[in-house]
Structure formats: C-alpha cells, structure tokens
Amino acid sequence: MMDIQILHQSITSATEVSYSRSGGPGGQNVNKLNTKVTLRLKLNALDGLTETEYTRMKTTLSSRLSSDGEELIIQSDEERLQSRNEDNGFERLKKLIVASAKLPKKRRPTKPTKASKEKRLNTKKLHGLKKNSRRSGDYD
C-alpha cells in the first residue's frame, strides 16, 4: 500500500521544475514573465510505491510519459502567478500518481433478478406487438 507522506517527499525531490512564458491572454504579464511551469518527474526515483502500483502507473499514464518512458511531464499555466502554477502542477502530479496507482475494484459477477428478467421479456413482447400492429393485411 502506498505511503502518502513518503510519496510526497519523493515527488518533490525527484521532480525537475522549469519555467517558461505562457501563451494566451494576459497582456504584458504574459510577454514579460515566465509563469508557465513544467514539472518532469523521474519515475525510477519515485519511492513509496509497490512494484504492482509502479507498473500500473506506467501503463495508465503512458500517454503522459516522455518518449523514453521514464519521465512524467505536467504543465501548468492557468494562473498568472508562477507560484500558484507550481502548486497546481504539484497537486495535479500527486493526484495523477495516486489515482493511476490505485488498483480497480474486482468486479463480482451477478445474475439478473427474476423481476428484471420479467421486465425485459415484457418489454420485448410489447415491442413485438407494436411492430406487428403496423403490418398491413396480406402479401400475395
């Protein structure tokens, strides 16, 4: 099971942060300041995950990984302040890792109830009667 405290420390130490100018509206603020934050998390330096959680994370986040498959890349440029974008990026990173490493619940197959079977058959019967009533007389 994943230890959130160890994971938090591991994420902050294994992440490389870079800043750049973000596009979009914002006037001079956009043109002068490097507010866009790019976080690059090295997956092999990540502690606090079991082997199964790690492999599951790599498969579920494969579209977000770098070309070599060893870095998870997150960009944040929603806010005008660099510090807020950095905080947002780290929060998204933590949520992604926790959500992707979580194993899905095992599905327990169930059988349809007697009432649901009767309802389905009744609906089929009514549908057939409706179609049958549309038919015209004889076809010779």
N, C-alpha and C. Protein backbone atom coordinates (compact mmCIF):
# COMPACT_ATOMS: atom_id res chain seq x y z
N MET A 1 0.84 -1.18 0.00
CA MET A 1 0.00 0.00 0.00
C MET A 1 0.88 1.24 0.00
N MET A 2 0.46 2.25 -0.69
CA MET A 2 1.23 3.45 -0.90
C MET A 2 1.24 4.32 0.37
N ASP A 3 2.42 4.80 0.75
CA ASP A 3 2.54 5.71 1.88
C ASP A 3 2.58 7.13 1.33
N ILE A 4 1.53 7.90 1.62
CA ILE A 4 1.36 9.23 1.04
C ILE A 4 2.48 10.18 1.47
N GLN A 5 2.92 10.12 2.72
CA GLN A 5 3.96 11.02 3.22
C GLN A 5 5.28 10.78 2.49
N ILE A 6 5.66 9.51 2.36
CA ILE A 6 6.90 9.18 1.64
C ILE A 6 6.76 9.58 0.18
N LEU A 7 5.59 9.34 -0.39
CA LEU A 7 5.34 9.69 -1.78
C LEU A 7 5.47 11.19 -2.00
N HIS A 8 4.93 11.98 -1.08
CA HIS A 8 5.00 13.45 -1.19
C HIS A 8 6.46 13.92 -1.20
N GLN A 9 7.26 13.41 -0.27
CA GLN A 9 8.67 13.78 -0.20
C GLN A 9 9.41 13.32 -1.46
N SER A 10 9.06 12.13 -1.92
CA SER A 10 9.71 11.57 -3.09
C SER A 10 9.39 12.39 -4.35
N ILE A 11 8.14 12.84 -4.46
CA ILE A 11 7.74 13.63 -5.62
C ILE A 11 8.50 14.94 -5.67
N THR A 12 8.59 15.63 -4.54
CA THR A 12 9.26 16.93 -4.53
C THR A 12 10.76 16.79 -4.79
N SER A 13 11.37 15.71 -4.33
CA SER A 13 12.81 15.55 -4.54
C SER A 13 13.14 15.02 -5.93
N ALA A 14 12.24 14.25 -6.54
CA ALA A 14 12.53 13.64 -7.84
C ALA A 14 12.01 14.46 -9.02
N THR A 15 11.45 15.64 -8.75
CA THR A 15 10.86 16.44 -9.81
C THR A 15 11.77 17.58 -10.20
N GLU A 16 11.94 17.74 -11.50
CA GLU A 16 12.70 18.85 -12.06
C GLU A 16 11.70 19.90 -12.52
N VAL A 17 11.86 21.13 -12.04
CA VAL A 17 10.92 22.21 -12.34
C VAL A 17 11.58 23.19 -13.30
N SER A 18 10.85 23.55 -14.35
CA SER A 18 11.35 24.58 -15.27
C SER A 18 10.22 25.57 -15.55
N TYR A 19 10.61 26.79 -15.89
CA TYR A 19 9.64 27.87 -16.12
C TYR A 19 9.82 28.42 -17.52
N SER A 20 8.69 28.84 -18.11
CA SER A 20 8.74 29.46 -19.44
C SER A 20 7.57 30.42 -19.57
N ARG A 21 7.56 31.15 -20.67
CA ARG A 21 6.47 32.09 -20.89
C ARG A 21 5.23 31.33 -21.35
N SER A 22 4.11 31.70 -20.77
CA SER A 22 2.88 31.03 -21.16
C SER A 22 2.16 31.88 -22.19
N GLY A 23 1.43 31.22 -23.09
CA GLY A 23 0.71 31.93 -24.13
C GLY A 23 -0.65 32.37 -23.66
N GLY A 24 -1.42 32.88 -24.58
CA GLY A 24 -2.78 33.27 -24.28
C GLY A 24 -2.90 34.70 -23.83
N PRO A 25 -4.10 35.11 -23.40
CA PRO A 25 -4.33 36.48 -22.99
C PRO A 25 -3.61 36.81 -21.69
N GLY A 26 -3.36 38.07 -21.45
CA GLY A 26 -2.70 38.48 -20.22
C GLY A 26 -1.88 39.74 -20.39
N GLY A 27 -1.77 40.24 -21.60
CA GLY A 27 -1.06 41.50 -21.82
C GLY A 27 0.42 41.39 -21.52
N GLN A 28 0.95 42.45 -20.90
CA GLN A 28 2.39 42.50 -20.62
C GLN A 28 2.84 41.37 -19.69
N ASN A 29 1.96 40.95 -18.81
CA ASN A 29 2.32 39.89 -17.87
C ASN A 29 2.78 38.64 -18.61
N VAL A 30 2.09 38.31 -19.69
CA VAL A 30 2.44 37.12 -20.48
C VAL A 30 3.76 37.33 -21.21
N ASN A 31 3.97 38.54 -21.70
CA ASN A 31 5.15 38.81 -22.51
C ASN A 31 6.43 38.96 -21.69
N LYS A 32 6.31 39.33 -20.42
CA LYS A 32 7.49 39.62 -19.61
C LYS A 32 7.89 38.50 -18.65
N LEU A 33 6.90 37.78 -18.12
CA LEU A 33 7.18 36.87 -17.00
C LEU A 33 7.09 35.41 -17.41
N ASN A 34 7.93 34.60 -16.79
CA ASN A 34 7.91 33.15 -17.02
C ASN A 34 6.98 32.52 -15.99
N THR A 35 5.70 32.45 -16.32
CA THR A 35 4.73 31.94 -15.35
C THR A 35 4.34 30.49 -15.61
N LYS A 36 4.58 29.98 -16.79
CA LYS A 36 4.24 28.59 -17.09
C LYS A 36 5.25 27.67 -16.40
N VAL A 37 4.74 26.63 -15.75
CA VAL A 37 5.58 25.70 -15.00
C VAL A 37 5.50 24.33 -15.66
N THR A 38 6.66 23.72 -15.90
CA THR A 38 6.74 22.37 -16.42
C THR A 38 7.43 21.50 -15.38
N LEU A 39 6.74 20.45 -14.97
CA LEU A 39 7.29 19.52 -13.98
C LEU A 39 7.65 18.21 -14.68
N ARG A 40 8.86 17.75 -14.45
CA ARG A 40 9.33 16.48 -15.02
C ARG A 40 9.72 15.56 -13.87
N LEU A 41 8.88 14.55 -13.64
CA LEU A 41 9.10 13.61 -12.54
C LEU A 41 9.79 12.36 -13.07
N LYS A 42 10.95 12.05 -12.52
CA LYS A 42 11.67 10.83 -12.90
C LYS A 42 11.05 9.66 -12.14
N LEU A 43 10.43 8.76 -12.89
CA LEU A 43 9.67 7.67 -12.27
C LEU A 43 10.55 6.69 -11.51
N ASN A 44 11.77 6.46 -12.00
CA ASN A 44 12.64 5.49 -11.32
C ASN A 44 13.15 6.02 -9.98
N ALA A 45 13.04 7.34 -9.73
CA ALA A 45 13.47 7.91 -8.46
C ALA A 45 12.32 8.04 -7.47
N LEU A 46 11.15 7.55 -7.84
CA LEU A 46 9.95 7.67 -7.03
C LEU A 46 9.91 6.56 -5.98
N ASP A 47 9.80 6.95 -4.71
CA ASP A 47 9.73 5.99 -3.60
C ASP A 47 8.31 5.92 -3.06
N GLY A 48 8.00 4.86 -2.34
CA GLY A 48 6.71 4.75 -1.67
C GLY A 48 5.67 3.98 -2.45
N LEU A 49 6.06 3.38 -3.59
CA LEU A 49 5.12 2.59 -4.39
C LEU A 49 5.57 1.14 -4.42
N THR A 50 4.61 0.23 -4.41
CA THR A 50 4.96 -1.17 -4.58
C THR A 50 5.23 -1.42 -6.06
N GLU A 51 5.76 -2.58 -6.37
CA GLU A 51 6.08 -2.91 -7.76
C GLU A 51 4.83 -2.94 -8.63
N THR A 52 3.73 -3.51 -8.11
CA THR A 52 2.49 -3.57 -8.89
C THR A 52 1.92 -2.18 -9.12
N GLU A 53 1.98 -1.30 -8.10
CA GLU A 53 1.50 0.07 -8.26
C GLU A 53 2.34 0.81 -9.29
N TYR A 54 3.64 0.58 -9.26
CA TYR A 54 4.55 1.23 -10.20
C TYR A 54 4.25 0.81 -11.65
N THR A 55 4.09 -0.48 -11.89
CA THR A 55 3.81 -0.94 -13.25
C THR A 55 2.44 -0.48 -13.72
N ARG A 56 1.46 -0.49 -12.82
CA ARG A 56 0.13 0.01 -13.18
C ARG A 56 0.18 1.49 -13.53
N MET A 57 0.96 2.25 -12.76
CA MET A 57 1.10 3.68 -13.02
C MET A 57 1.73 3.91 -14.40
N LYS A 58 2.74 3.13 -14.73
CA LYS A 58 3.40 3.31 -16.03
C LYS A 58 2.45 3.01 -17.19
N THR A 59 1.57 2.01 -17.03
CA THR A 59 0.66 1.68 -18.12
C THR A 59 -0.47 2.69 -18.24
N THR A 60 -1.02 3.14 -17.10
CA THR A 60 -2.15 4.07 -17.17
C THR A 60 -1.72 5.47 -17.58
N LEU A 61 -0.50 5.86 -17.27
CA LEU A 61 -0.02 7.20 -17.62
C LEU A 61 0.89 7.20 -18.84
N SER A 62 0.82 6.17 -19.65
CA SER A 62 1.75 6.05 -20.78
C SER A 62 1.65 7.22 -21.75
N SER A 63 0.47 7.80 -21.91
CA SER A 63 0.32 8.92 -22.85
C SER A 63 0.96 10.20 -22.32
N ARG A 64 1.19 10.29 -21.04
CA ARG A 64 1.78 11.48 -20.44
C ARG A 64 3.28 11.36 -20.21
N LEU A 65 3.83 10.19 -20.51
CA LEU A 65 5.25 9.97 -20.27
C LEU A 65 6.09 10.50 -21.43
N SER A 66 7.36 10.78 -21.14
CA SER A 66 8.28 11.22 -22.19
C SER A 66 8.53 10.09 -23.17
N SER A 67 9.25 10.37 -24.23
CA SER A 67 9.47 9.37 -25.28
C SER A 67 10.22 8.14 -24.77
N ASP A 68 11.12 8.33 -23.80
CA ASP A 68 11.84 7.18 -23.26
C ASP A 68 11.04 6.44 -22.19
N GLY A 69 9.89 7.00 -21.77
CA GLY A 69 9.01 6.34 -20.82
C GLY A 69 9.47 6.42 -19.38
N GLU A 70 10.41 7.30 -19.08
CA GLU A 70 10.95 7.38 -17.72
C GLU A 70 10.58 8.66 -16.99
N GLU A 71 9.96 9.62 -17.68
CA GLU A 71 9.60 10.89 -17.03
C GLU A 71 8.12 11.20 -17.27
N LEU A 72 7.45 11.60 -16.21
CA LEU A 72 6.07 12.06 -16.28
C LEU A 72 6.12 13.57 -16.39
N ILE A 73 5.46 14.12 -17.42
CA ILE A 73 5.54 15.56 -17.70
C ILE A 73 4.18 16.20 -17.46
N ILE A 74 4.17 17.24 -16.62
CA ILE A 74 2.97 18.01 -16.31
C ILE A 74 3.27 19.48 -16.55
N GLN A 75 2.34 20.17 -17.22
CA GLN A 75 2.49 21.61 -17.44
C GLN A 75 1.31 22.33 -16.81
N SER A 76 1.57 23.49 -16.22
CA SER A 76 0.52 24.28 -15.61
C SER A 76 0.73 25.74 -15.97
N ASP A 77 -0.29 26.34 -16.60
CA ASP A 77 -0.20 27.77 -16.94
C ASP A 77 -1.55 28.47 -16.80
N GLU A 78 -2.42 27.94 -15.93
CA GLU A 78 -3.75 28.51 -15.76
C GLU A 78 -3.72 29.83 -15.01
N GLU A 79 -2.82 29.96 -14.06
CA GLU A 79 -2.77 31.14 -13.20
C GLU A 79 -1.77 32.16 -13.74
N ARG A 80 -1.89 33.39 -13.21
CA ARG A 80 -0.97 34.45 -13.61
C ARG A 80 0.30 34.43 -12.77
N LEU A 81 0.26 33.77 -11.63
CA LEU A 81 1.42 33.73 -10.75
C LEU A 81 2.17 32.41 -10.90
N GLN A 82 3.48 32.51 -10.96
CA GLN A 82 4.33 31.34 -11.11
C GLN A 82 4.17 30.38 -9.92
N SER A 83 4.09 30.93 -8.71
CA SER A 83 3.99 30.08 -7.51
C SER A 83 2.69 29.29 -7.50
N ARG A 84 1.58 29.92 -7.93
CA ARG A 84 0.30 29.20 -7.97
C ARG A 84 0.35 28.10 -9.02
N ASN A 85 0.95 28.39 -10.17
CA ASN A 85 1.07 27.37 -11.21
C ASN A 85 1.92 26.20 -10.71
N GLU A 86 2.95 26.49 -9.96
CA GLU A 86 3.80 25.43 -9.43
C GLU A 86 3.01 24.57 -8.42
N ASP A 87 2.27 25.23 -7.54
CA ASP A 87 1.44 24.49 -6.57
C ASP A 87 0.40 23.64 -7.28
N ASN A 88 -0.26 24.22 -8.30
CA ASN A 88 -1.27 23.48 -9.07
C ASN A 88 -0.64 22.27 -9.76
N GLY A 89 0.54 22.45 -10.32
CA GLY A 89 1.24 21.36 -11.00
C GLY A 89 1.56 20.22 -10.06
N PHE A 90 2.07 20.55 -8.86
CA PHE A 90 2.40 19.50 -7.90
C PHE A 90 1.14 18.79 -7.41
N GLU A 91 0.05 19.53 -7.20
CA GLU A 91 -1.20 18.89 -6.79
C GLU A 91 -1.71 17.93 -7.87
N ARG A 92 -1.68 18.37 -9.13
CA ARG A 92 -2.11 17.51 -10.24
C ARG A 92 -1.23 16.27 -10.33
N LEU A 93 0.07 16.47 -10.13
CA LEU A 93 1.02 15.36 -10.18
C LEU A 93 0.69 14.32 -9.10
N LYS A 94 0.46 14.78 -7.87
CA LYS A 94 0.13 13.86 -6.78
C LYS A 94 -1.17 13.12 -7.05
N LYS A 95 -2.20 13.85 -7.50
CA LYS A 95 -3.49 13.22 -7.78
C LYS A 95 -3.37 12.19 -8.88
N LEU A 96 -2.61 12.51 -9.93
CA LEU A 96 -2.41 11.57 -11.04
C LEU A 96 -1.74 10.29 -10.56
N ILE A 97 -0.71 10.43 -9.76
CA ILE A 97 0.04 9.26 -9.31
C ILE A 97 -0.82 8.39 -8.40
N VAL A 98 -1.54 9.02 -7.47
CA VAL A 98 -2.38 8.26 -6.55
C VAL A 98 -3.50 7.56 -7.31
N ALA A 99 -4.15 8.28 -8.24
CA ALA A 99 -5.27 7.70 -9.00
C ALA A 99 -4.80 6.59 -9.93
N SER A 100 -3.64 6.76 -10.55
CA SER A 100 -3.19 5.75 -11.50
C SER A 100 -2.63 4.51 -10.82
N ALA A 101 -2.09 4.66 -9.62
CA ALA A 101 -1.52 3.51 -8.92
C ALA A 101 -2.58 2.68 -8.22
N LYS A 102 -3.76 3.26 -8.00
CA LYS A 102 -4.82 2.55 -7.29
C LYS A 102 -5.35 1.41 -8.16
N LEU A 103 -5.44 0.25 -7.56
CA LEU A 103 -5.97 -0.91 -8.28
C LEU A 103 -7.49 -0.81 -8.32
N PRO A 104 -8.09 -1.12 -9.46
CA PRO A 104 -9.55 -1.05 -9.54
C PRO A 104 -10.19 -2.16 -8.72
N LYS A 105 -11.42 -1.91 -8.28
CA LYS A 105 -12.14 -2.95 -7.54
C LYS A 105 -12.40 -4.13 -8.45
N LYS A 106 -12.33 -5.31 -7.87
CA LYS A 106 -12.60 -6.50 -8.64
C LYS A 106 -14.11 -6.65 -8.82
N ARG A 107 -14.54 -6.89 -10.03
CA ARG A 107 -15.96 -7.00 -10.32
C ARG A 107 -16.46 -8.37 -9.90
N ARG A 108 -17.55 -8.36 -9.14
CA ARG A 108 -18.18 -9.61 -8.78
C ARG A 108 -19.37 -9.82 -9.70
N PRO A 109 -19.33 -10.83 -10.55
CA PRO A 109 -20.43 -11.03 -11.48
C PRO A 109 -21.72 -11.37 -10.74
N THR A 110 -22.80 -10.78 -11.20
CA THR A 110 -24.10 -11.04 -10.59
C THR A 110 -25.05 -11.54 -11.66
N LYS A 111 -26.11 -12.19 -11.20
CA LYS A 111 -27.11 -12.70 -12.14
C LYS A 111 -28.29 -11.75 -12.13
N PRO A 112 -28.98 -11.63 -13.26
CA PRO A 112 -30.15 -10.76 -13.27
C PRO A 112 -31.25 -11.32 -12.37
N THR A 113 -31.97 -10.41 -11.73
CA THR A 113 -33.04 -10.84 -10.83
C THR A 113 -34.24 -11.34 -11.65
N LYS A 114 -35.14 -12.02 -10.95
CA LYS A 114 -36.33 -12.53 -11.62
C LYS A 114 -37.17 -11.38 -12.15
N ALA A 115 -37.29 -10.31 -11.38
CA ALA A 115 -38.08 -9.15 -11.80
C ALA A 115 -37.49 -8.50 -13.05
N SER A 116 -36.15 -8.40 -13.11
CA SER A 116 -35.54 -7.77 -14.28
C SER A 116 -35.71 -8.64 -15.53
N LYS A 117 -35.67 -9.97 -15.36
CA LYS A 117 -35.92 -10.86 -16.50
C LYS A 117 -37.34 -10.70 -17.01
N GLU A 118 -38.30 -10.66 -16.07
CA GLU A 118 -39.70 -10.49 -16.48
C GLU A 118 -39.93 -9.15 -17.17
N LYS A 119 -39.30 -8.11 -16.65
CA LYS A 119 -39.44 -6.78 -17.25
C LYS A 119 -38.88 -6.78 -18.68
N ARG A 120 -37.72 -7.40 -18.86
CA ARG A 120 -37.11 -7.45 -20.19
C ARG A 120 -38.01 -8.22 -21.16
N LEU A 121 -38.52 -9.35 -20.74
CA LEU A 121 -39.39 -10.16 -21.62
C LEU A 121 -40.69 -9.43 -21.92
N ASN A 122 -41.25 -8.74 -20.93
CA ASN A 122 -42.47 -7.98 -21.14
C ASN A 122 -42.24 -6.84 -22.14
N THR A 123 -41.12 -6.16 -22.02
CA THR A 123 -40.78 -5.08 -22.95
C THR A 123 -40.61 -5.62 -24.37
N LYS A 124 -39.96 -6.78 -24.49
CA LYS A 124 -39.80 -7.40 -25.81
C LYS A 124 -41.16 -7.74 -26.41
N LYS A 125 -42.03 -8.29 -25.59
CA LYS A 125 -43.36 -8.68 -26.06
C LYS A 125 -44.14 -7.46 -26.56
N LEU A 126 -44.10 -6.37 -25.78
CA LEU A 126 -44.81 -5.14 -26.17
C LEU A 126 -44.23 -4.55 -27.45
N HIS A 127 -42.93 -4.59 -27.58
CA HIS A 127 -42.27 -4.07 -28.78
C HIS A 127 -42.68 -4.88 -30.01
N GLY A 128 -42.72 -6.20 -29.84
CA GLY A 128 -43.15 -7.08 -30.94
C GLY A 128 -44.60 -6.84 -31.33
N LEU A 129 -45.47 -6.66 -30.32
CA LEU A 129 -46.87 -6.37 -30.62
C LEU A 129 -47.03 -5.05 -31.35
N LYS A 130 -46.26 -4.06 -30.96
CA LYS A 130 -46.32 -2.75 -31.61
C LYS A 130 -45.92 -2.88 -33.08
N LYS A 131 -44.84 -3.61 -33.34
CA LYS A 131 -44.39 -3.80 -34.72
C LYS A 131 -45.40 -4.63 -35.52
N ASN A 132 -45.97 -5.63 -34.85
CA ASN A 132 -46.95 -6.50 -35.51
C ASN A 132 -48.20 -5.71 -35.92
N SER A 133 -48.59 -4.76 -35.09
CA SER A 133 -49.79 -3.98 -35.40
C SER A 133 -49.58 -3.05 -36.59
N ARG A 134 -48.35 -2.76 -36.94
CA ARG A 134 -48.06 -1.88 -38.07
C ARG A 134 -48.18 -2.61 -39.40
N ARG A 135 -48.14 -3.93 -39.37
CA ARG A 135 -48.17 -4.71 -40.60
C ARG A 135 -49.53 -4.57 -41.28
N SER A 136 -49.48 -4.48 -42.56
CA SER A 136 -50.75 -4.43 -43.29
C SER A 136 -51.21 -5.85 -43.60
N GLY A 137 -52.36 -5.99 -44.15
CA GLY A 137 -53.01 -7.28 -44.44
C GLY A 137 -52.10 -8.33 -45.05
N ASP A 138 -52.51 -8.87 -46.18
CA ASP A 138 -51.78 -9.99 -46.77
C ASP A 138 -50.85 -9.54 -47.87
N TYR A 139 -49.83 -10.32 -48.03
CA TYR A 139 -48.82 -10.08 -49.06
C TYR A 139 -48.88 -11.22 -50.06
N ASP A 140 -49.53 -11.01 -51.18
CA ASP A 140 -49.61 -12.07 -52.18
C ASP A 140 -48.72 -11.78 -53.34
